[in-house]
Amino acid sequence: MPRLLSAATAAGRPAPRVVALVAGVVTDDVETAREAAAQQTAFYDRIPSYQKVIELSGASRAADLVEIGDEKAIAAAVRRYFDAGATEVVFTQTNLAGPQGRERTWRLLGELAGKEKA
């Protein structure tokens, strides 16, 4: 059980809402999407508060935190966020691999959301 949830339960409080905002896209062309992610997220690397988050995540730059891969890889990434305590996972920057990647990402996330509700 994640620490935040444990602390709320121990204090007799309702479980908090934890929303993970995740940059990512479903694509087979990981290299091209990774290059786009590096360009689109480079400014985060210069902001001190983001530098700390990047460092705490074990990454060396913001682009390393972007989830990029096929449906199986992205579904596994979503599961990791839920396993870490997120109550919602919201994907951003789904345009990294063009319209087809965005469409694949939305389709997968819709399927996963349907399974969570079932």
N, C-alpha and C. Protein backbone atom coordinates (compact mmCIF):
# COMPACT_ATOMS: atom_id res chain seq x y z
N MET A 1 0.85 -1.17 0.00
CA MET A 1 0.00 0.00 0.00
C MET A 1 0.90 1.24 0.00
N PRO A 2 0.70 2.18 -0.96
CA PRO A 2 1.52 3.39 -1.01
C PRO A 2 1.42 4.19 0.28
N ARG A 3 2.51 4.89 0.60
CA ARG A 3 2.62 5.64 1.86
C ARG A 3 1.50 6.64 2.08
N LEU A 4 1.12 7.39 1.06
CA LEU A 4 0.09 8.41 1.21
C LEU A 4 -1.24 7.78 1.60
N LEU A 5 -1.59 6.68 0.95
CA LEU A 5 -2.83 5.98 1.26
C LEU A 5 -2.78 5.41 2.68
N SER A 6 -1.63 4.85 3.05
CA SER A 6 -1.47 4.30 4.40
C SER A 6 -1.63 5.38 5.46
N ALA A 7 -1.04 6.55 5.22
CA ALA A 7 -1.13 7.65 6.18
C ALA A 7 -2.57 8.13 6.33
N ALA A 8 -3.30 8.24 5.22
CA ALA A 8 -4.69 8.69 5.28
C ALA A 8 -5.54 7.68 6.04
N THR A 9 -5.32 6.40 5.76
CA THR A 9 -6.08 5.34 6.43
C THR A 9 -5.79 5.35 7.92
N ALA A 10 -4.53 5.48 8.29
CA ALA A 10 -4.14 5.48 9.70
C ALA A 10 -4.74 6.67 10.45
N ALA A 11 -4.92 7.79 9.74
CA ALA A 11 -5.47 9.00 10.37
C ALA A 11 -6.99 9.02 10.32
N GLY A 12 -7.58 7.99 9.74
CA GLY A 12 -9.03 7.94 9.66
C GLY A 12 -9.62 8.88 8.62
N ARG A 13 -8.83 9.27 7.67
CA ARG A 13 -9.29 10.18 6.63
C ARG A 13 -9.60 9.40 5.36
N PRO A 14 -10.44 9.97 4.49
CA PRO A 14 -10.69 9.31 3.21
C PRO A 14 -9.42 9.29 2.36
N ALA A 15 -9.30 8.32 1.52
CA ALA A 15 -8.13 8.22 0.65
C ALA A 15 -8.07 9.45 -0.24
N PRO A 16 -6.88 10.01 -0.42
CA PRO A 16 -6.74 11.21 -1.25
C PRO A 16 -6.83 10.87 -2.73
N ARG A 17 -7.18 11.85 -3.50
CA ARG A 17 -7.18 11.73 -4.96
C ARG A 17 -5.76 12.07 -5.42
N VAL A 18 -5.15 11.15 -6.14
CA VAL A 18 -3.78 11.35 -6.62
C VAL A 18 -3.80 11.21 -8.14
N VAL A 19 -3.56 12.32 -8.82
CA VAL A 19 -3.61 12.35 -10.28
C VAL A 19 -2.19 12.41 -10.83
N ALA A 20 -1.84 11.45 -11.66
CA ALA A 20 -0.54 11.44 -12.33
C ALA A 20 -0.72 11.98 -13.74
N LEU A 21 -0.03 13.07 -14.06
CA LEU A 21 -0.02 13.61 -15.41
C LEU A 21 1.21 13.06 -16.10
N VAL A 22 1.00 12.29 -17.14
CA VAL A 22 2.07 11.55 -17.79
C VAL A 22 2.16 11.93 -19.26
N ALA A 23 3.31 12.38 -19.68
CA ALA A 23 3.54 12.61 -21.10
C ALA A 23 3.81 11.25 -21.75
N GLY A 24 3.13 10.98 -22.84
CA GLY A 24 3.38 9.70 -23.49
C GLY A 24 2.54 9.46 -24.72
N VAL A 25 2.93 8.45 -25.48
CA VAL A 25 2.26 8.14 -26.73
C VAL A 25 2.50 6.68 -27.10
N VAL A 26 1.52 6.11 -27.77
CA VAL A 26 1.65 4.76 -28.33
C VAL A 26 2.18 4.89 -29.75
N THR A 27 3.28 4.22 -30.01
CA THR A 27 3.88 4.26 -31.35
C THR A 27 4.85 3.09 -31.51
N ASP A 28 5.09 2.73 -32.76
CA ASP A 28 6.12 1.75 -33.05
C ASP A 28 7.45 2.43 -33.39
N ASP A 29 7.38 3.74 -33.67
CA ASP A 29 8.56 4.51 -34.02
C ASP A 29 9.05 5.26 -32.78
N VAL A 30 9.60 4.50 -31.85
CA VAL A 30 10.02 5.05 -30.55
C VAL A 30 11.11 6.10 -30.72
N GLU A 31 12.05 5.87 -31.61
CA GLU A 31 13.16 6.80 -31.77
C GLU A 31 12.69 8.19 -32.21
N THR A 32 11.80 8.25 -33.19
CA THR A 32 11.29 9.55 -33.65
C THR A 32 10.48 10.24 -32.56
N ALA A 33 9.66 9.48 -31.86
CA ALA A 33 8.86 10.05 -30.77
C ALA A 33 9.77 10.52 -29.63
N ARG A 34 10.83 9.81 -29.35
CA ARG A 34 11.77 10.20 -28.30
C ARG A 34 12.46 11.52 -28.68
N GLU A 35 12.80 11.68 -29.97
CA GLU A 35 13.39 12.93 -30.43
C GLU A 35 12.41 14.09 -30.27
N ALA A 36 11.15 13.86 -30.61
CA ALA A 36 10.11 14.89 -30.45
C ALA A 36 9.94 15.22 -28.97
N ALA A 37 9.96 14.21 -28.12
CA ALA A 37 9.83 14.43 -26.68
C ALA A 37 11.00 15.26 -26.15
N ALA A 38 12.20 14.98 -26.63
CA ALA A 38 13.37 15.74 -26.19
C ALA A 38 13.22 17.21 -26.55
N GLN A 39 12.72 17.49 -27.74
CA GLN A 39 12.52 18.88 -28.17
C GLN A 39 11.42 19.55 -27.36
N GLN A 40 10.31 18.85 -27.16
CA GLN A 40 9.15 19.46 -26.51
C GLN A 40 9.29 19.59 -24.99
N THR A 41 10.16 18.81 -24.40
CA THR A 41 10.30 18.86 -22.93
C THR A 41 11.60 19.50 -22.46
N ALA A 42 12.44 19.94 -23.37
CA ALA A 42 13.77 20.47 -23.01
C ALA A 42 13.69 21.63 -22.03
N PHE A 43 12.67 22.47 -22.14
CA PHE A 43 12.60 23.63 -21.24
C PHE A 43 12.42 23.22 -19.78
N TYR A 44 11.84 22.03 -19.52
CA TYR A 44 11.70 21.57 -18.14
C TYR A 44 13.06 21.33 -17.48
N ASP A 45 14.03 20.98 -18.29
CA ASP A 45 15.36 20.68 -17.77
C ASP A 45 16.03 21.90 -17.15
N ARG A 46 15.54 23.10 -17.44
CA ARG A 46 16.13 24.34 -16.94
C ARG A 46 15.37 24.93 -15.75
N ILE A 47 14.28 24.33 -15.34
CA ILE A 47 13.47 24.86 -14.24
C ILE A 47 13.84 24.10 -12.96
N PRO A 48 14.32 24.81 -11.93
CA PRO A 48 14.81 24.14 -10.72
C PRO A 48 13.82 23.15 -10.10
N SER A 49 12.55 23.49 -10.01
CA SER A 49 11.60 22.57 -9.38
C SER A 49 11.45 21.29 -10.22
N TYR A 50 11.49 21.43 -11.53
CA TYR A 50 11.41 20.25 -12.39
C TYR A 50 12.72 19.47 -12.35
N GLN A 51 13.85 20.17 -12.24
CA GLN A 51 15.12 19.48 -12.14
C GLN A 51 15.12 18.53 -10.95
N LYS A 52 14.52 18.96 -9.85
CA LYS A 52 14.46 18.12 -8.65
C LYS A 52 13.58 16.89 -8.90
N VAL A 53 12.44 17.08 -9.54
CA VAL A 53 11.54 15.96 -9.85
C VAL A 53 12.25 14.97 -10.78
N ILE A 54 12.92 15.50 -11.78
CA ILE A 54 13.65 14.64 -12.72
C ILE A 54 14.71 13.83 -11.97
N GLU A 55 15.45 14.51 -11.12
CA GLU A 55 16.49 13.84 -10.33
C GLU A 55 15.90 12.76 -9.42
N LEU A 56 14.82 13.09 -8.72
CA LEU A 56 14.18 12.12 -7.82
C LEU A 56 13.63 10.92 -8.57
N SER A 57 13.31 11.12 -9.83
CA SER A 57 12.79 10.02 -10.65
C SER A 57 13.89 9.13 -11.20
N GLY A 58 15.15 9.54 -10.99
CA GLY A 58 16.27 8.75 -11.48
C GLY A 58 16.61 9.00 -12.93
N ALA A 59 16.02 10.04 -13.50
CA ALA A 59 16.27 10.37 -14.90
C ALA A 59 17.28 11.50 -14.98
N SER A 60 17.84 11.70 -16.15
CA SER A 60 18.80 12.80 -16.32
C SER A 60 18.18 13.98 -17.04
N ARG A 61 17.04 13.76 -17.70
CA ARG A 61 16.33 14.86 -18.37
C ARG A 61 14.85 14.52 -18.45
N ALA A 62 14.05 15.53 -18.67
CA ALA A 62 12.60 15.35 -18.69
C ALA A 62 12.16 14.34 -19.75
N ALA A 63 12.81 14.36 -20.89
CA ALA A 63 12.43 13.46 -21.97
C ALA A 63 12.52 11.99 -21.57
N ASP A 64 13.38 11.69 -20.61
CA ASP A 64 13.53 10.31 -20.15
C ASP A 64 12.30 9.83 -19.39
N LEU A 65 11.48 10.76 -18.94
CA LEU A 65 10.27 10.41 -18.18
C LEU A 65 9.05 10.22 -19.07
N VAL A 66 9.16 10.53 -20.35
CA VAL A 66 8.05 10.38 -21.28
C VAL A 66 7.86 8.90 -21.60
N GLU A 67 6.63 8.44 -21.48
CA GLU A 67 6.31 7.03 -21.77
C GLU A 67 6.05 6.88 -23.27
N ILE A 68 6.89 6.10 -23.93
CA ILE A 68 6.79 5.91 -25.37
C ILE A 68 6.96 4.44 -25.68
N GLY A 69 6.04 3.89 -26.46
CA GLY A 69 6.15 2.49 -26.84
C GLY A 69 4.86 1.98 -27.44
N ASP A 70 4.80 0.68 -27.64
CA ASP A 70 3.59 0.07 -28.20
C ASP A 70 2.53 -0.06 -27.11
N GLU A 71 1.39 -0.61 -27.48
CA GLU A 71 0.26 -0.72 -26.55
C GLU A 71 0.64 -1.46 -25.27
N LYS A 72 1.40 -2.54 -25.42
CA LYS A 72 1.78 -3.32 -24.25
C LYS A 72 2.66 -2.50 -23.29
N ALA A 73 3.60 -1.76 -23.84
CA ALA A 73 4.50 -0.95 -23.01
C ALA A 73 3.76 0.17 -22.31
N ILE A 74 2.84 0.82 -23.01
CA ILE A 74 2.11 1.93 -22.40
C ILE A 74 1.12 1.40 -21.37
N ALA A 75 0.48 0.28 -21.63
CA ALA A 75 -0.42 -0.31 -20.63
C ALA A 75 0.35 -0.66 -19.36
N ALA A 76 1.57 -1.17 -19.51
CA ALA A 76 2.39 -1.49 -18.35
C ALA A 76 2.78 -0.21 -17.59
N ALA A 77 3.06 0.86 -18.31
CA ALA A 77 3.39 2.12 -17.67
C ALA A 77 2.21 2.66 -16.87
N VAL A 78 1.02 2.59 -17.46
CA VAL A 78 -0.18 3.04 -16.75
C VAL A 78 -0.36 2.22 -15.47
N ARG A 79 -0.17 0.92 -15.56
CA ARG A 79 -0.31 0.05 -14.39
C ARG A 79 0.69 0.44 -13.30
N ARG A 80 1.91 0.78 -13.68
CA ARG A 80 2.92 1.19 -12.69
C ARG A 80 2.47 2.43 -11.92
N TYR A 81 1.85 3.37 -12.61
CA TYR A 81 1.37 4.58 -11.92
C TYR A 81 0.25 4.24 -10.94
N PHE A 82 -0.65 3.37 -11.35
CA PHE A 82 -1.71 2.95 -10.42
C PHE A 82 -1.12 2.18 -9.25
N ASP A 83 -0.18 1.30 -9.53
CA ASP A 83 0.46 0.52 -8.46
C ASP A 83 1.21 1.42 -7.48
N ALA A 84 1.69 2.56 -7.97
CA ALA A 84 2.42 3.50 -7.11
C ALA A 84 1.48 4.37 -6.27
N GLY A 85 0.17 4.27 -6.53
CA GLY A 85 -0.79 5.00 -5.71
C GLY A 85 -1.63 6.02 -6.42
N ALA A 86 -1.45 6.19 -7.73
CA ALA A 86 -2.30 7.13 -8.47
C ALA A 86 -3.74 6.62 -8.47
N THR A 87 -4.67 7.55 -8.32
CA THR A 87 -6.08 7.19 -8.44
C THR A 87 -6.58 7.51 -9.84
N GLU A 88 -5.86 8.37 -10.55
CA GLU A 88 -6.15 8.70 -11.95
C GLU A 88 -4.84 8.88 -12.69
N VAL A 89 -4.81 8.47 -13.95
CA VAL A 89 -3.64 8.66 -14.79
C VAL A 89 -4.12 9.40 -16.04
N VAL A 90 -3.55 10.59 -16.27
CA VAL A 90 -3.95 11.43 -17.39
C VAL A 90 -2.74 11.59 -18.31
N PHE A 91 -2.91 11.22 -19.57
CA PHE A 91 -1.81 11.34 -20.52
C PHE A 91 -1.85 12.68 -21.22
N THR A 92 -0.66 13.29 -21.39
CA THR A 92 -0.49 14.53 -22.12
C THR A 92 0.51 14.30 -23.24
N GLN A 93 0.65 15.26 -24.10
CA GLN A 93 1.60 15.21 -25.21
C GLN A 93 1.42 13.95 -26.05
N THR A 94 0.19 13.58 -26.27
CA THR A 94 -0.09 12.39 -27.07
C THR A 94 0.14 12.64 -28.56
N ASN A 95 0.58 13.83 -28.92
CA ASN A 95 0.84 14.17 -30.32
C ASN A 95 2.29 13.92 -30.74
N LEU A 96 3.09 13.33 -29.88
CA LEU A 96 4.51 13.15 -30.16
C LEU A 96 4.79 12.30 -31.40
N ALA A 97 3.86 11.46 -31.78
CA ALA A 97 4.06 10.59 -32.94
C ALA A 97 3.01 10.88 -34.02
N GLY A 98 2.51 12.10 -34.06
CA GLY A 98 1.55 12.50 -35.08
C GLY A 98 0.15 12.00 -34.78
N PRO A 99 -0.77 12.23 -35.72
CA PRO A 99 -2.17 11.88 -35.52
C PRO A 99 -2.41 10.38 -35.28
N GLN A 100 -1.67 9.55 -35.97
CA GLN A 100 -1.86 8.10 -35.80
C GLN A 100 -1.45 7.67 -34.39
N GLY A 101 -0.35 8.19 -33.90
CA GLY A 101 0.07 7.87 -32.53
C GLY A 101 -0.92 8.37 -31.51
N ARG A 102 -1.42 9.58 -31.72
CA ARG A 102 -2.42 10.14 -30.80
C ARG A 102 -3.67 9.26 -30.78
N GLU A 103 -4.11 8.86 -31.96
CA GLU A 103 -5.31 8.01 -32.06
C GLU A 103 -5.09 6.66 -31.37
N ARG A 104 -3.93 6.05 -31.58
CA ARG A 104 -3.62 4.78 -30.92
C ARG A 104 -3.58 4.94 -29.40
N THR A 105 -3.02 6.06 -28.95
CA THR A 105 -2.92 6.33 -27.52
C THR A 105 -4.31 6.48 -26.91
N TRP A 106 -5.15 7.29 -27.53
CA TRP A 106 -6.51 7.49 -27.02
C TRP A 106 -7.30 6.19 -27.01
N ARG A 107 -7.12 5.40 -28.07
CA ARG A 107 -7.84 4.12 -28.15
C ARG A 107 -7.43 3.21 -26.99
N LEU A 108 -6.13 3.08 -26.76
CA LEU A 108 -5.63 2.24 -25.68
C LEU A 108 -6.12 2.75 -24.32
N LEU A 109 -5.98 4.05 -24.09
CA LEU A 109 -6.38 4.59 -22.80
C LEU A 109 -7.88 4.41 -22.57
N GLY A 110 -8.68 4.52 -23.62
CA GLY A 110 -10.11 4.26 -23.50
C GLY A 110 -10.38 2.82 -23.13
N GLU A 111 -9.66 1.90 -23.75
CA GLU A 111 -9.82 0.48 -23.42
C GLU A 111 -9.42 0.21 -21.97
N LEU A 112 -8.32 0.80 -21.54
CA LEU A 112 -7.87 0.60 -20.16
C LEU A 112 -8.86 1.19 -19.16
N ALA A 113 -9.41 2.35 -19.49
CA ALA A 113 -10.39 2.98 -18.60
C ALA A 113 -11.63 2.10 -18.48
N GLY A 114 -12.05 1.48 -19.57
CA GLY A 114 -13.19 0.57 -19.56
C GLY A 114 -12.94 -0.62 -18.67
N LYS A 115 -11.71 -1.13 -18.67
CA LYS A 115 -11.36 -2.29 -17.83
C LYS A 115 -11.33 -1.90 -16.36
N GLU A 116 -10.88 -0.67 -16.06
CA GLU A 116 -10.81 -0.22 -14.66
C GLU A 116 -12.21 -0.11 -14.07
N LYS A 117 -13.18 0.28 -14.88
CA LYS A 117 -14.55 0.46 -14.39
C LYS A 117 -15.29 -0.85 -14.28
N ALA A 118 -14.83 -1.85 -15.01
CA ALA A 118 -15.53 -3.15 -15.02
C ALA A 118 -15.27 -3.94 -13.75
